[in-house]
């Protein structure tokens, strides 16, 4: 299973340094939604999708529908260089609570 990312160019640089080879960076010509549809079309070998919170907000409806339809790959939202959004929903905590049956506190 491979890891892919959909993020801004600054986050992409860090993720590439961390060893993630497939990184999509939206531009004016190729929007985040365009890349999201490309990811959905080639999902068979992907185990984890990393998306920055800003982009997750842009593709919100499609991302939520994808989460409802698919258990794998797991979609993880990470903050970008500007930090965590105030209205961020932590889906990883929801997955853990669902799997373990109790909430894990930090």
PDB file of N, CA and C in Angstrom:
ATOM      1  N   UNK A   1       0.844  -1.183   0.000  1.00  0.00           N
ATOM      2  CA  UNK A   1       0.000   0.000   0.000  1.00  0.00           C
ATOM      3  C   UNK A   1       0.883   1.238   0.000  1.00  0.00           C
ATOM      4  N   UNK A   2       0.465   2.212  -0.771  1.00  0.00           N
ATOM      5  CA  UNK A   2       1.270   3.423  -0.828  1.00  0.00           C
ATOM      6  C   UNK A   2       0.542   4.598  -0.179  1.00  0.00           C
ATOM      7  N   UNK A   3       1.315   5.629   0.097  1.00  0.00           N
ATOM      8  CA  UNK A   3       0.820   6.857   0.707  1.00  0.00           C
ATOM      9  C   UNK A   3       0.881   7.946  -0.354  1.00  0.00           C
ATOM     10  N   UNK A   4      -0.200   8.698  -0.488  1.00  0.00           N
ATOM     11  CA  UNK A   4      -0.200   9.828  -1.406  1.00  0.00           C
ATOM     12  C   UNK A   4      -0.673  11.065  -0.659  1.00  0.00           C
ATOM     13  N   UNK A   5      -0.394  12.233  -1.231  1.00  0.00           N
ATOM     14  CA  UNK A   5      -0.762  13.488  -0.571  1.00  0.00           C
ATOM     15  C   UNK A   5      -1.355  14.464  -1.572  1.00  0.00           C
ATOM     16  N   UNK A   6      -2.267  15.286  -1.085  1.00  0.00           N
ATOM     17  CA  UNK A   6      -2.870  16.386  -1.824  1.00  0.00           C
ATOM     18  C   UNK A   6      -2.705  17.607  -0.940  1.00  0.00           C
ATOM     19  N   UNK A   7      -1.787  18.495  -1.314  1.00  0.00           N
ATOM     20  CA  UNK A   7      -1.435  19.590  -0.404  1.00  0.00           C
ATOM     21  C   UNK A   7      -0.834  20.775  -1.151  1.00  0.00           C
ATOM     22  N   UNK A   8      -0.542  21.835  -0.408  1.00  0.00           N
ATOM     23  CA  UNK A   8       0.091  23.007  -0.981  1.00  0.00           C
ATOM     24  C   UNK A   8       1.574  22.720  -1.232  1.00  0.00           C
ATOM     25  N   UNK A   9       2.249  23.616  -1.957  1.00  0.00           N
ATOM     26  CA  UNK A   9       3.631  23.333  -2.366  1.00  0.00           C
ATOM     27  C   UNK A   9       4.606  23.287  -1.191  1.00  0.00           C
ATOM     28  N   UNK A  10       4.373  24.077  -0.149  1.00  0.00           N
ATOM     29  CA  UNK A  10       5.278  24.052   1.000  1.00  0.00           C
ATOM     30  C   UNK A  10       5.160  22.741   1.773  1.00  0.00           C
ATOM     31  N   UNK A  11       3.948  22.292   1.990  1.00  0.00           N
ATOM     32  CA  UNK A  11       3.730  21.010   2.668  1.00  0.00           C
ATOM     33  C   UNK A  11       4.252  19.866   1.807  1.00  0.00           C
ATOM     34  N   UNK A  12       4.083  19.993   0.498  1.00  0.00           N
ATOM     35  CA  UNK A  12       4.553  18.961  -0.426  1.00  0.00           C
ATOM     36  C   UNK A  12       6.060  18.756  -0.312  1.00  0.00           C
ATOM     37  N   UNK A  13       6.808  19.847  -0.172  1.00  0.00           N
ATOM     38  CA  UNK A  13       8.263  19.733  -0.037  1.00  0.00           C
ATOM     39  C   UNK A  13       8.630  18.906   1.193  1.00  0.00           C
ATOM     40  N   UNK A  14       7.970  19.174   2.304  1.00  0.00           N
ATOM     41  CA  UNK A  14       8.236  18.423   3.531  1.00  0.00           C
ATOM     42  C   UNK A  14       7.845  16.959   3.413  1.00  0.00           C
ATOM     43  N   UNK A  15       6.718  16.697   2.783  1.00  0.00           N
ATOM     44  CA  UNK A  15       6.265  15.312   2.629  1.00  0.00           C
ATOM     45  C   UNK A  15       7.169  14.531   1.683  1.00  0.00           C
ATOM     46  N   UNK A  16       7.668  15.198   0.645  1.00  0.00           N
ATOM     47  CA  UNK A  16       8.619  14.529  -0.255  1.00  0.00           C
ATOM     48  C   UNK A  16       9.910  14.202   0.481  1.00  0.00           C
ATOM     49  N   UNK A  17      10.357  15.114   1.332  1.00  0.00           N
ATOM     50  CA  UNK A  17      11.553  14.841   2.139  1.00  0.00           C
ATOM     51  C   UNK A  17      11.321  13.676   3.096  1.00  0.00           C
ATOM     52  N   UNK A  18      10.077  13.493   3.521  1.00  0.00           N
ATOM     53  CA  UNK A  18       9.730  12.396   4.425  1.00  0.00           C
ATOM     54  C   UNK A  18       9.575  11.066   3.678  1.00  0.00           C
ATOM     55  N   UNK A  19       9.665  11.098   2.347  1.00  0.00           N
ATOM     56  CA  UNK A  19       9.630   9.874   1.574  1.00  0.00           C
ATOM     57  C   UNK A  19       8.350   9.586   0.824  1.00  0.00           C
ATOM     58  N   UNK A  20       7.402  10.498   0.854  1.00  0.00           N
ATOM     59  CA  UNK A  20       6.152  10.293   0.105  1.00  0.00           C
ATOM     60  C   UNK A  20       6.413  10.700  -1.341  1.00  0.00           C
ATOM     61  N   UNK A  21       6.274   9.743  -2.238  1.00  0.00           N
ATOM     62  CA  UNK A  21       6.637   9.974  -3.634  1.00  0.00           C
ATOM     63  C   UNK A  21       5.520  10.587  -4.462  1.00  0.00           C
ATOM     64  N   UNK A  22       4.283  10.239  -4.173  1.00  0.00           N
ATOM     65  CA  UNK A  22       3.159  10.737  -4.969  1.00  0.00           C
ATOM     66  C   UNK A  22       2.497  11.883  -4.224  1.00  0.00           C
ATOM     67  N   UNK A  23       2.761  13.101  -4.701  1.00  0.00           N
ATOM     68  CA  UNK A  23       2.234  14.309  -4.070  1.00  0.00           C
ATOM     69  C   UNK A  23       1.587  15.169  -5.154  1.00  0.00           C
ATOM     70  N   UNK A  24       0.334  15.507  -4.945  1.00  0.00           N
ATOM     71  CA  UNK A  24      -0.394  16.375  -5.868  1.00  0.00           C
ATOM     72  C   UNK A  24      -0.478  17.772  -5.280  1.00  0.00           C
ATOM     73  N   UNK A  25      -0.104  18.770  -6.086  1.00  0.00           N
ATOM     74  CA  UNK A  25      -0.147  20.162  -5.651  1.00  0.00           C
ATOM     75  C   UNK A  25      -1.060  20.930  -6.601  1.00  0.00           C
ATOM     76  N   UNK A  26      -2.238  21.355  -6.128  1.00  0.00           N
ATOM     77  CA  UNK A  26      -3.170  22.088  -6.987  1.00  0.00           C
ATOM     78  C   UNK A  26      -2.590  23.422  -7.464  1.00  0.00           C
ATOM     79  N   UNK A  27      -3.052  23.826  -8.640  1.00  0.00           N
ATOM     80  CA  UNK A  27      -2.660  25.115  -9.204  1.00  0.00           C
ATOM     81  C   UNK A  27      -3.901  25.732  -9.838  1.00  0.00           C
ATOM     82  N   UNK A  28      -3.725  26.858 -10.525  1.00  0.00           N
ATOM     83  CA  UNK A  28      -4.870  27.481 -11.195  1.00  0.00           C
ATOM     84  C   UNK A  28      -5.385  26.598 -12.332  1.00  0.00           C
ATOM     85  N   UNK A  29      -4.457  25.915 -13.028  1.00  0.00           N
ATOM     86  CA  UNK A  29      -4.844  25.057 -14.143  1.00  0.00           C
ATOM     87  C   UNK A  29      -5.421  23.720 -13.666  1.00  0.00           C
ATOM     88  N   UNK A  30      -4.824  23.145 -12.637  1.00  0.00           N
ATOM     89  CA  UNK A  30      -5.246  21.846 -12.104  1.00  0.00           C
ATOM     90  C   UNK A  30      -5.730  22.057 -10.674  1.00  0.00           C
ATOM     91  N   UNK A  31      -7.025  22.110 -10.483  1.00  0.00           N
ATOM     92  CA  UNK A  31      -7.592  22.408  -9.172  1.00  0.00           C
ATOM     93  C   UNK A  31      -7.505  21.205  -8.233  1.00  0.00           C
ATOM     94  N   UNK A  32      -7.749  21.463  -6.963  1.00  0.00           N
ATOM     95  CA  UNK A  32      -7.760  20.394  -5.960  1.00  0.00           C
ATOM     96  C   UNK A  32      -8.820  19.359  -6.307  1.00  0.00           C
ATOM     97  N   UNK A  33      -9.961  19.804  -6.788  1.00  0.00           N
ATOM     98  CA  UNK A  33     -11.039  18.888  -7.157  1.00  0.00           C
ATOM     99  C   UNK A  33     -10.621  17.994  -8.330  1.00  0.00           C
ATOM    100  N   UNK A  34      -9.918  18.566  -9.295  1.00  0.00           N
ATOM    101  CA  UNK A  34      -9.406  17.780 -10.421  1.00  0.00           C
ATOM    102  C   UNK A  34      -8.485  16.669  -9.918  1.00  0.00           C
ATOM    103  N   UNK A  35      -7.539  17.022  -9.051  1.00  0.00           N
ATOM    104  CA  UNK A  35      -6.624  16.024  -8.506  1.00  0.00           C
ATOM    105  C   UNK A  35      -7.364  15.006  -7.647  1.00  0.00           C
ATOM    106  N   UNK A  36      -8.382  15.439  -6.901  1.00  0.00           N
ATOM    107  CA  UNK A  36      -9.138  14.510  -6.071  1.00  0.00           C
ATOM    108  C   UNK A  36      -9.808  13.432  -6.941  1.00  0.00           C
ATOM    109  N   UNK A  37     -10.383  13.843  -8.070  1.00  0.00           N
ATOM    110  CA  UNK A  37     -11.005  12.875  -8.973  1.00  0.00           C
ATOM    111  C   UNK A  37      -9.958  11.931  -9.568  1.00  0.00           C
ATOM    112  N   UNK A  38      -8.775  12.441  -9.847  1.00  0.00           N
ATOM    113  CA  UNK A  38      -7.678  11.602 -10.340  1.00  0.00           C
ATOM    114  C   UNK A  38      -7.271  10.579  -9.278  1.00  0.00           C
ATOM    115  N   UNK A  39      -7.211  11.011  -8.031  1.00  0.00           N
ATOM    116  CA  UNK A  39      -6.879  10.100  -6.924  1.00  0.00           C
ATOM    117  C   UNK A  39      -7.952   9.016  -6.808  1.00  0.00           C
ATOM    118  N   UNK A  40      -9.219   9.411  -6.861  1.00  0.00           N
ATOM    119  CA  UNK A  40     -10.322   8.437  -6.761  1.00  0.00           C
ATOM    120  C   UNK A  40     -10.273   7.402  -7.882  1.00  0.00           C
ATOM    121  N   UNK A  41      -9.859   7.831  -9.063  1.00  0.00           N
ATOM    122  CA  UNK A  41      -9.797   6.917 -10.206  1.00  0.00           C
ATOM    123  C   UNK A  41      -8.653   5.905 -10.096  1.00  0.00           C
ATOM    124  N   UNK A  42      -7.627   6.212  -9.301  1.00  0.00           N
ATOM    125  CA  UNK A  42      -6.446   5.352  -9.178  1.00  0.00           C
ATOM    126  C   UNK A  42      -6.218   4.942  -7.731  1.00  0.00           C
ATOM    127  N   UNK A  43      -7.250   4.499  -7.048  1.00  0.00           N
ATOM    128  CA  UNK A  43      -7.224   4.287  -5.602  1.00  0.00           C
ATOM    129  C   UNK A  43      -6.816   2.871  -5.193  1.00  0.00           C
ATOM    130  N   UNK A  44      -6.734   1.934  -6.138  1.00  0.00           N
ATOM    131  CA  UNK A  44      -6.597   0.522  -5.792  1.00  0.00           C
ATOM    132  C   UNK A  44      -5.383   0.165  -4.938  1.00  0.00           C
ATOM    133  N   UNK A  45      -4.258   0.827  -5.078  1.00  0.00           N
ATOM    134  CA  UNK A  45      -3.071   0.455  -4.290  1.00  0.00           C
ATOM    135  C   UNK A  45      -2.742   1.452  -3.183  1.00  0.00           C
ATOM    136  N   UNK A  46      -3.665   2.364  -2.889  1.00  0.00           N
ATOM    137  CA  UNK A  46      -3.416   3.420  -1.903  1.00  0.00           C
ATOM    138  C   UNK A  46      -3.977   3.010  -0.548  1.00  0.00           C
ATOM    139  N   UNK A  47      -3.176   3.177   0.509  1.00  0.00           N
ATOM    140  CA  UNK A  47      -3.606   2.853   1.862  1.00  0.00           C
ATOM    141  C   UNK A  47      -3.866   4.076   2.714  1.00  0.00           C
ATOM    142  N   UNK A  48      -3.217   5.207   2.357  1.00  0.00           N
ATOM    143  CA  UNK A  48      -3.338   6.429   3.149  1.00  0.00           C
ATOM    144  C   UNK A  48      -3.290   7.632   2.222  1.00  0.00           C
ATOM    145  N   UNK A  49      -4.227   8.547   2.421  1.00  0.00           N
ATOM    146  CA  UNK A  49      -4.240   9.806   1.681  1.00  0.00           C
ATOM    147  C   UNK A  49      -4.082  10.935   2.698  1.00  0.00           C
ATOM    148  N   UNK A  50      -3.071  11.752   2.509  1.00  0.00           N
ATOM    149  CA  UNK A  50      -2.840  12.912   3.373  1.00  0.00           C
ATOM    150  C   UNK A  50      -3.330  14.148   2.630  1.00  0.00           C
ATOM    151  N   UNK A  51      -4.208  14.910   3.272  1.00  0.00           N
ATOM    152  CA  UNK A  51      -4.778  16.115   2.672  1.00  0.00           C
ATOM    153  C   UNK A  51      -4.638  17.248   3.680  1.00  0.00           C
ATOM    154  N   UNK A  52      -4.203  18.420   3.234  1.00  0.00           N
ATOM    155  CA  UNK A  52      -4.151  19.552   4.153  1.00  0.00           C
ATOM    156  C   UNK A  52      -5.576  20.021   4.443  1.00  0.00           C
ATOM    157  N   UNK A  53      -5.761  20.606   5.607  1.00  0.00           N
ATOM    158  CA  UNK A  53      -7.098  21.047   6.035  1.00  0.00           C
ATOM    159  C   UNK A  53      -7.707  22.035   5.059  1.00  0.00           C
ATOM    160  N   UNK A  54      -6.898  22.931   4.502  1.00  0.00           N
ATOM    161  CA  UNK A  54      -7.395  23.934   3.561  1.00  0.00           C
ATOM    162  C   UNK A  54      -7.977  23.259   2.318  1.00  0.00           C
ATOM    163  N   UNK A  55      -7.258  22.285   1.783  1.00  0.00           N
ATOM    164  CA  UNK A  55      -7.734  21.581   0.596  1.00  0.00           C
ATOM    165  C   UNK A  55      -8.936  20.709   0.945  1.00  0.00           C
ATOM    166  N   UNK A  56      -8.920  20.095   2.116  1.00  0.00           N
ATOM    167  CA  UNK A  56     -10.057  19.288   2.560  1.00  0.00           C
ATOM    168  C   UNK A  56     -11.317  20.147   2.628  1.00  0.00           C
ATOM    169  N   UNK A  57     -11.159  21.398   3.009  1.00  0.00           N
ATOM    170  CA  UNK A  57     -12.285  22.326   3.060  1.00  0.00           C
ATOM    171  C   UNK A  57     -12.797  22.620   1.642  1.00  0.00           C
ATOM    172  N   UNK A  58     -11.873  22.759   0.684  1.00  0.00           N
ATOM    173  CA  UNK A  58     -12.240  23.053  -0.699  1.00  0.00           C
ATOM    174  C   UNK A  58     -13.006  21.901  -1.346  1.00  0.00           C
ATOM    175  N   UNK A  59     -12.618  20.671  -1.041  1.00  0.00           N
ATOM    176  CA  UNK A  59     -13.250  19.495  -1.658  1.00  0.00           C
ATOM    177  C   UNK A  59     -14.165  18.782  -0.664  1.00  0.00           C
ATOM    178  N   UNK A  60     -14.675  19.510   0.298  1.00  0.00           N
ATOM    179  CA  UNK A  60     -15.425  18.957   1.418  1.00  0.00           C
ATOM    180  C   UNK A  60     -16.504  17.953   1.073  1.00  0.00           C
ATOM    181  N   UNK A  61     -17.404  18.286   0.151  1.00  0.00           N
ATOM    182  CA  UNK A  61     -18.512  17.394  -0.181  1.00  0.00           C
ATOM    183  C   UNK A  61     -17.990  16.074  -0.743  1.00  0.00           C
ATOM    184  N   UNK A  62     -17.076  16.139  -1.705  1.00  0.00           N
ATOM    185  CA  UNK A  62     -16.527  14.930  -2.326  1.00  0.00           C
ATOM    186  C   UNK A  62     -15.749  14.097  -1.311  1.00  0.00           C
ATOM    187  N   UNK A  63     -15.019  14.770  -0.437  1.00  0.00           N
ATOM    188  CA  UNK A  63     -14.233  14.072   0.583  1.00  0.00           C
ATOM    189  C   UNK A  63     -15.143  13.340   1.568  1.00  0.00           C
ATOM    190  N   UNK A  64     -16.191  13.986   2.014  1.00  0.00           N
ATOM    191  CA  UNK A  64     -17.138  13.348   2.941  1.00  0.00           C
ATOM    192  C   UNK A  64     -17.839  12.154   2.293  1.00  0.00           C
ATOM    193  N   UNK A  65     -18.240  12.294   1.035  1.00  0.00           N
ATOM    194  CA  UNK A  65     -18.868  11.177   0.320  1.00  0.00           C
ATOM    195  C   UNK A  65     -17.885  10.019   0.176  1.00  0.00           C
ATOM    196  N   UNK A  66     -16.625  10.329  -0.099  1.00  0.00           N
ATOM    197  CA  UNK A  66     -15.599   9.296  -0.220  1.00  0.00           C
ATOM    198  C   UNK A  66     -15.425   8.552   1.100  1.00  0.00           C
ATOM    199  N   UNK A  67     -15.389   9.280   2.208  1.00  0.00           N
ATOM    200  CA  UNK A  67     -15.239   8.653   3.525  1.00  0.00           C
ATOM    201  C   UNK A  67     -16.418   7.737   3.849  1.00  0.00           C
ATOM    202  N   UNK A  68     -17.604   8.103   3.408  1.00  0.00           N
ATOM    203  CA  UNK A  68     -18.780   7.270   3.658  1.00  0.00           C
ATOM    204  C   UNK A  68     -18.769   5.991   2.817  1.00  0.00           C
ATOM    205  N   UNK A  69     -18.231   6.073   1.610  1.00  0.00           N
ATOM    206  CA  UNK A  69     -18.207   4.930   0.706  1.00  0.00           C
ATOM    207  C   UNK A  69     -17.037   3.981   0.944  1.00  0.00           C
ATOM    208  N   UNK A  70     -15.915   4.475   1.483  1.00  0.00           N
ATOM    209  CA  UNK A  70     -14.689   3.690   1.561  1.00  0.00           C
ATOM    210  C   UNK A  70     -14.115   3.649   2.971  1.00  0.00           C
ATOM    211  N   UNK A  71     -13.715   2.471   3.380  1.00  0.00           N
ATOM    212  CA  UNK A  71     -13.010   2.329   4.656  1.00  0.00           C
ATOM    213  C   UNK A  71     -11.516   2.523   4.419  1.00  0.00           C
ATOM    214  N   UNK A  72     -11.036   1.947   3.341  1.00  0.00           N
ATOM    215  CA  UNK A  72      -9.631   2.084   2.949  1.00  0.00           C
ATOM    216  C   UNK A  72      -9.623   2.722   1.576  1.00  0.00           C
ATOM    217  N   UNK A  73      -8.801   3.685   1.339  1.00  0.00           N
ATOM    218  CA  UNK A  73      -7.732   4.209   2.179  1.00  0.00           C
ATOM    219  C   UNK A  73      -8.247   5.172   3.248  1.00  0.00           C
ATOM    220  N   UNK A  74      -7.447   5.307   4.257  1.00  0.00           N
ATOM    221  CA  UNK A  74      -7.751   6.259   5.324  1.00  0.00           C
ATOM    222  C   UNK A  74      -7.326   7.647   4.853  1.00  0.00           C
ATOM    223  N   UNK A  75      -8.169   8.632   5.075  1.00  0.00           N
ATOM    224  CA  UNK A  75      -7.861  10.013   4.712  1.00  0.00           C
ATOM    225  C   UNK A  75      -7.525  10.771   5.986  1.00  0.00           C
ATOM    226  N   UNK A  76      -6.324  11.344   6.022  1.00  0.00           N
ATOM    227  CA  UNK A  76      -5.868  12.092   7.186  1.00  0.00           C
ATOM    228  C   UNK A  76      -5.716  13.555   6.795  1.00  0.00           C
ATOM    229  N   UNK A  77      -6.352  14.414   7.567  1.00  0.00           N
ATOM    230  CA  UNK A  77      -6.201  15.851   7.343  1.00  0.00           C
ATOM    231  C   UNK A  77      -5.109  16.372   8.258  1.00  0.00           C
ATOM    232  N   UNK A  78      -4.177  17.134   7.673  1.00  0.00           N
ATOM    233  CA  UNK A  78      -3.095  17.717   8.451  1.00  0.00           C
ATOM    234  C   UNK A  78      -3.126  19.237   8.287  1.00  0.00           C
ATOM    235  N   UNK A  79      -2.623  19.966   9.275  1.00  0.00           N
ATOM    236  CA  UNK A  79      -2.564  21.426   9.122  1.00  0.00           C
ATOM    237  C   UNK A  79      -1.500  21.802   8.098  1.00  0.00           C
ATOM    238  N   UNK A  80      -1.665  22.966   7.486  1.00  0.00           N
ATOM    239  CA  UNK A  80      -0.625  23.452   6.587  1.00  0.00           C
ATOM    240  C   UNK A  80       0.320  24.368   7.367  1.00  0.00           C
ATOM    241  N   UNK A  81       1.114  25.156   6.679  1.00  0.00           N
ATOM    242  CA  UNK A  81       2.101  26.002   7.361  1.00  0.00           C
ATOM    243  C   UNK A  81       1.463  27.093   8.230  1.00  0.00           C
ATOM    244  N   UNK A  82       0.177  27.332   8.045  1.00  0.00           N
ATOM    245  CA  UNK A  82      -0.510  28.351   8.839  1.00  0.00           C
ATOM    246  C   UNK A  82      -1.075  27.804  10.140  1.00  0.00           C
ATOM    247  N   UNK A  83      -0.981  26.501  10.357  1.00  0.00           N
ATOM    248  CA  UNK A  83      -1.455  25.899  11.597  1.00  0.00           C
ATOM    249  C   UNK A  83      -2.842  25.303  11.461  1.00  0.00           C
ATOM    250  N   UNK A  84      -3.319  24.717  12.547  1.00  0.00           N
ATOM    251  CA  UNK A  84      -4.610  24.029  12.583  1.00  0.00           C
ATOM    252  C   UNK A  84      -5.758  25.029  12.513  1.00  0.00           C
ATOM    253  N   UNK A  85      -6.797  24.657  11.774  1.00  0.00           N
ATOM    254  CA  UNK A  85      -7.997  25.493  11.689  1.00  0.00           C
ATOM    255  C   UNK A  85      -8.815  25.340  12.975  1.00  0.00           C
ATOM    256  N   UNK A  86      -9.500  26.396  13.363  1.00  0.00           N
ATOM    257  CA  UNK A  86     -10.275  26.385  14.601  1.00  0.00           C
ATOM    258  C   UNK A  86     -11.451  25.412  14.545  1.00  0.00           C
ATOM    259  N   UNK A  87     -12.073  25.276  13.386  1.00  0.00           N
ATOM    260  CA  UNK A  87     -13.245  24.416  13.257  1.00  0.00           C
ATOM    261  C   UNK A  87     -12.901  23.022  12.734  1.00  0.00           C
ATOM    262  N   UNK A  88     -11.667  22.600  12.928  1.00  0.00           N
ATOM    263  CA  UNK A  88     -11.192  21.308  12.433  1.00  0.00           C
ATOM    264  C   UNK A  88     -11.875  20.146  13.146  1.00  0.00           C
ATOM    265  N   UNK A  89     -12.291  19.145  12.373  1.00  0.00           N
ATOM    266  CA  UNK A  89     -12.871  17.923  12.924  1.00  0.00           C
ATOM    267  C   UNK A  89     -11.804  16.844  12.821  1.00  0.00           C
ATOM    268  N   UNK A  90     -11.475  16.209  13.937  1.00  0.00           N
ATOM    269  CA  UNK A  90     -10.423  15.198  13.978  1.00  0.00           C
ATOM    270  C   UNK A  90     -11.007  13.827  13.646  1.00  0.00           C
ATOM    271  N   UNK A  91     -10.917  13.444  12.370  1.00  0.00           N
ATOM    272  CA  UNK A  91     -11.493  12.175  11.926  1.00  0.00           C
ATOM    273  C   UNK A  91     -10.712  10.981  12.444  1.00  0.00           C
ATOM    274  N   UNK A  92      -9.435  11.138  12.703  1.00  0.00           N
ATOM    275  CA  UNK A  92      -8.639  10.034  13.243  1.00  0.00           C
ATOM    276  C   UNK A  92      -9.164   9.642  14.628  1.00  0.00           C
ATOM    277  N   UNK A  93      -9.477  10.616  15.460  1.00  0.00           N
ATOM    278  CA  UNK A  93     -10.046  10.317  16.779  1.00  0.00           C
ATOM    279  C   UNK A  93     -11.375   9.582  16.641  1.00  0.00           C
ATOM    280  N   UNK A  94     -12.180   9.959  15.655  1.00  0.00           N
ATOM    281  CA  UNK A  94     -13.446   9.265  15.408  1.00  0.00           C
ATOM    282  C   UNK A  94     -13.197   7.814  15.009  1.00  0.00           C
ATOM    283  N   UNK A  95     -12.189   7.583  14.159  1.00  0.00           N
ATOM    284  CA  UNK A  95     -11.868   6.215  13.753  1.00  0.00           C
ATOM    285  C   UNK A  95     -11.402   5.374  14.931  1.00  0.00           C
ATOM    286  N   UNK A  96     -10.561   5.964  15.784  1.00  0.00           N
ATOM    287  CA  UNK A  96     -10.065   5.250  16.965  1.00  0.00           C
ATOM    288  C   UNK A  96     -11.221   4.923  17.903  1.00  0.00           C
ATOM    289  N   UNK A  97     -12.092   5.898  18.133  1.00  0.00           N
ATOM    290  CA  UNK A  97     -13.239   5.679  19.014  1.00  0.00           C
ATOM    291  C   UNK A  97     -14.134   4.574  18.472  1.00  0.00           C
ATOM    292  N   UNK A  98     -14.318   4.561  17.161  1.00  0.00           N
ATOM    293  CA  UNK A  98     -15.142   3.545  16.526  1.00  0.00           C
ATOM    294  C   UNK A  98     -14.498   2.159  16.654  1.00  0.00           C
ATOM    295  N   UNK A  99     -13.181   2.083  16.492  1.00  0.00           N
ATOM    296  CA  UNK A  99     -12.477   0.799  16.543  1.00  0.00           C
ATOM    297  C   UNK A  99     -12.316   0.281  17.967  1.00  0.00           C
ATOM    298  N   UNK A 100     -11.970   1.179  18.890  1.00  0.00           N
ATOM    299  CA  UNK A 100     -11.676   0.779  20.265  1.00  0.00           C
ATOM    300  C   UNK A 100     -12.941   0.748  21.117  1.00  0.00           C
ATOM    301  N   UNK A 101     -13.871   1.612  20.805  1.00  0.00           N
ATOM    302  CA  UNK A 101     -15.116   1.657  21.574  1.00  0.00           C
ATOM    303  C   UNK A 101     -15.103   2.675  22.685  1.00  0.00           C
ATOM    304  N   UNK A 102     -14.030   3.467  22.769  1.00  0.00           N
ATOM    305  CA  UNK A 102     -13.976   4.529  23.773  1.00  0.00           C
ATOM    306  C   UNK A 102     -13.137   5.673  23.239  1.00  0.00           C
ATOM    307  N   UNK A 103     -13.329   6.819  23.824  1.00  0.00           N
ATOM    308  CA  UNK A 103     -12.613   8.008  23.387  1.00  0.00           C
ATOM    309  C   UNK A 103     -11.232   8.053  24.041  1.00  0.00           C
ATOM    310  N   UNK A 104     -10.242   8.390  23.251  1.00  0.00           N
ATOM    311  CA  UNK A 104      -8.867   8.530  23.743  1.00  0.00           C
ATOM    312  C   UNK A 104      -8.609  10.013  23.974  1.00  0.00           C
ATOM    313  N   UNK A 105      -8.280  10.385  25.191  1.00  0.00           N
ATOM    314  CA  UNK A 105      -8.004  11.793  25.525  1.00  0.00           C
ATOM    315  C   UNK A 105      -6.514  12.075  25.389  1.00  0.00           C
ATOM    316  N   UNK A 106      -6.208  13.304  25.011  1.00  0.00           N
ATOM    317  CA  UNK A 106      -4.795  13.706  24.895  1.00  0.00           C
ATOM    318  C   UNK A 106      -4.288  14.212  26.202  1.00  0.00           C
TER     319      UNK A 106
END
